[in-house]
Protein backbone atom coordinates (compact mmCIF):
# COMPACT_ATOMS: atom_id res chain seq x y z
CA MET A 1 -28.56 -13.22 64.74
CA ALA A 2 -25.93 -10.60 64.03
CA GLU A 3 -27.06 -9.90 60.46
CA GLY A 4 -26.02 -6.44 59.40
CA ILE A 5 -26.84 -4.08 56.61
CA THR A 6 -24.18 -1.77 55.21
CA VAL A 7 -25.13 1.39 53.38
CA LYS A 8 -22.53 2.84 51.03
CA GLY A 9 -22.55 6.05 49.08
CA VAL A 10 -24.64 8.22 51.41
CA THR A 11 -21.59 9.92 52.92
CA GLU A 12 -20.20 10.81 49.52
CA LEU A 13 -23.57 12.08 48.30
CA LEU A 14 -24.12 14.37 51.26
CA ARG A 15 -20.49 15.50 51.23
CA ASN A 16 -21.00 16.55 47.61
CA LEU A 17 -24.00 18.58 48.77
CA GLY A 18 -21.70 20.55 51.10
CA ALA A 19 -22.37 18.88 54.43
CA THR A 20 -19.72 18.81 57.12
CA GLN A 21 -18.55 15.51 58.60
CA LYS A 22 -20.31 16.29 61.89
CA GLU A 23 -23.60 17.01 60.07
CA LEU A 24 -23.22 13.75 58.18
CA ASP A 25 -22.42 11.78 61.30
CA ASP A 26 -25.36 13.30 63.19
CA ALA A 27 -27.74 12.64 60.29
CA VAL A 28 -26.65 9.01 59.94
CA ALA A 29 -26.88 8.36 63.68
CA GLU A 30 -30.35 9.90 63.87
CA ALA A 31 -31.55 7.91 60.84
CA LEU A 32 -30.24 4.65 62.31
CA TYR A 33 -31.92 5.36 65.63
CA GLN A 34 -35.26 6.19 63.98
CA GLU A 35 -35.11 3.01 61.90
CA GLY A 36 -34.32 1.07 65.08
CA LEU A 37 -37.38 2.51 66.79
CA VAL A 38 -39.56 1.38 63.88
CA LEU A 39 -38.09 -2.13 64.09
CA GLN A 40 -38.67 -2.15 67.85
CA ALA A 41 -42.33 -1.18 67.35
CA GLU A 42 -42.86 -3.83 64.67
CA SER A 43 -41.14 -6.49 66.75
CA SER A 44 -43.16 -5.70 69.86
CA LYS A 45 -46.33 -6.64 67.97
CA GLU A 46 -44.99 -10.20 67.64
CA VAL A 47 -43.41 -10.76 71.07
CA PRO A 48 -44.97 -13.61 73.03
CA VAL A 49 -46.72 -12.24 76.11
CA LYS A 50 -47.13 -14.14 79.35
CA SER A 51 -46.35 -11.54 81.99
CA GLY A 52 -45.36 -8.66 79.68
CA ARG A 53 -41.81 -8.57 81.02
CA LEU A 54 -40.22 -9.67 77.74
CA ARG A 55 -42.06 -7.03 75.69
CA GLN A 56 -41.20 -4.34 78.25
CA SER A 57 -37.52 -5.24 78.11
CA SER A 58 -37.09 -4.15 74.48
CA PHE A 59 -34.44 -1.54 73.80
CA VAL A 60 -32.84 0.51 71.05
CA THR A 61 -29.40 1.96 71.72
CA VAL A 62 -28.63 5.53 70.68
CA PRO A 63 -25.75 5.35 68.19
CA LYS A 64 -22.62 7.38 68.73
CA PRO A 65 -22.06 9.57 65.65
CA GLY A 66 -19.06 8.63 63.60
CA PRO A 67 -18.04 6.71 60.51
CA ASN A 68 -19.01 3.39 62.11
CA ALA A 69 -22.32 4.40 63.71
CA GLU A 70 -24.51 1.50 64.69
CA THR A 71 -27.52 0.86 66.83
CA GLU A 72 -28.62 -2.27 68.66
CA ILE A 73 -32.20 -3.45 68.97
CA GLY A 74 -32.99 -6.26 71.37
CA TYR A 75 -34.68 -7.62 74.43
CA GLY A 76 -33.13 -7.60 77.87
CA THR A 77 -34.44 -10.65 79.68
CA ASP A 78 -32.46 -13.80 80.36
CA TYR A 79 -35.07 -15.81 78.46
CA ALA A 80 -35.45 -13.61 75.36
CA LEU A 81 -33.16 -15.75 73.18
CA PRO A 82 -34.77 -19.12 73.95
CA VAL A 83 -38.26 -17.68 73.44
CA HIS A 84 -37.12 -16.13 70.16
CA GLU A 85 -35.45 -19.26 68.81
CA ARG A 86 -37.83 -22.06 69.86
CA VAL A 87 -40.10 -22.18 66.82
CA GLU A 88 -41.74 -25.41 67.97
CA VAL A 89 -43.35 -23.67 70.96
CA HIS A 90 -46.86 -22.29 70.39
CA HIS A 91 -47.67 -19.01 72.14
CA PRO A 92 -51.28 -17.85 72.65
CA VAL A 93 -50.02 -14.29 72.04
CA GLY A 94 -47.02 -13.64 69.82
CA LYS A 95 -44.58 -16.02 68.19
CA ALA A 96 -40.98 -17.13 67.90
CA ASN A 97 -38.63 -15.11 65.66
CA PHE A 98 -40.35 -11.96 66.89
CA LEU A 99 -37.29 -9.84 66.06
CA ARG A 100 -35.84 -11.70 63.08
CA ASP A 101 -39.05 -11.73 61.05
CA PRO A 102 -39.73 -7.96 61.27
CA PHE A 103 -36.04 -7.31 60.59
CA ASN A 104 -36.17 -9.42 57.44
CA ARG A 105 -39.36 -7.71 56.28
CA MET A 106 -37.80 -4.28 56.88
CA ARG A 107 -34.71 -5.11 54.81
CA THR A 108 -36.74 -4.33 51.71
CA GLY A 109 -36.45 -0.61 51.12
CA TYR A 110 -34.00 -0.11 54.00
CA THR A 111 -31.41 1.88 52.07
CA GLU A 112 -34.08 4.10 50.53
CA ARG A 113 -35.71 4.80 53.91
CA LEU A 114 -32.35 5.44 55.54
CA GLY A 115 -31.30 7.75 52.71
CA LYS A 116 -34.53 9.74 53.01
CA ARG A 117 -34.11 10.03 56.79
CA ILE A 118 -30.51 11.17 56.43
CA ALA A 119 -31.37 13.73 53.76
CA ALA A 120 -34.33 15.08 55.77
CA ARG A 121 -32.20 15.38 58.93
CA TRP A 122 -29.40 17.05 57.01
CA ARG A 123 -31.79 19.54 55.36
CA ALA A 124 -33.43 20.33 58.71
CA GLY A 125 -30.01 20.94 60.27
CA ARG A 126 -28.98 23.22 57.43
CA LYS A 127 -32.12 25.34 57.76
CA GLY A 128 -31.67 25.70 61.52
CA GLY A 129 -27.97 26.44 61.40
């Protein structure tokens, strides 16, 4: 399920606006993390619930700023993957593909949302600094 999205051009745009590399890296990392939190929230609405342990095990990693910033969104139980992948199993609450489906829905408009988050973070940092 390691489908990735690469955003190009944001670094050059913000650099042309006079941002430092650290400001850019911080803005990108923050934007990725915020987008990850939204995906986590959307996914949690679709997680099958029996005991609640699977839903409670969701996580979003805080990205380290840098040119290759990335964040990971997932679930930390030993049974998360089988529950996610077994589409033939009916769940009274939730469904299979509880992370993939929200991810695929969120792909639409991803670069625009990320760009807006980066620009807003950069502007906020410039005003405060």
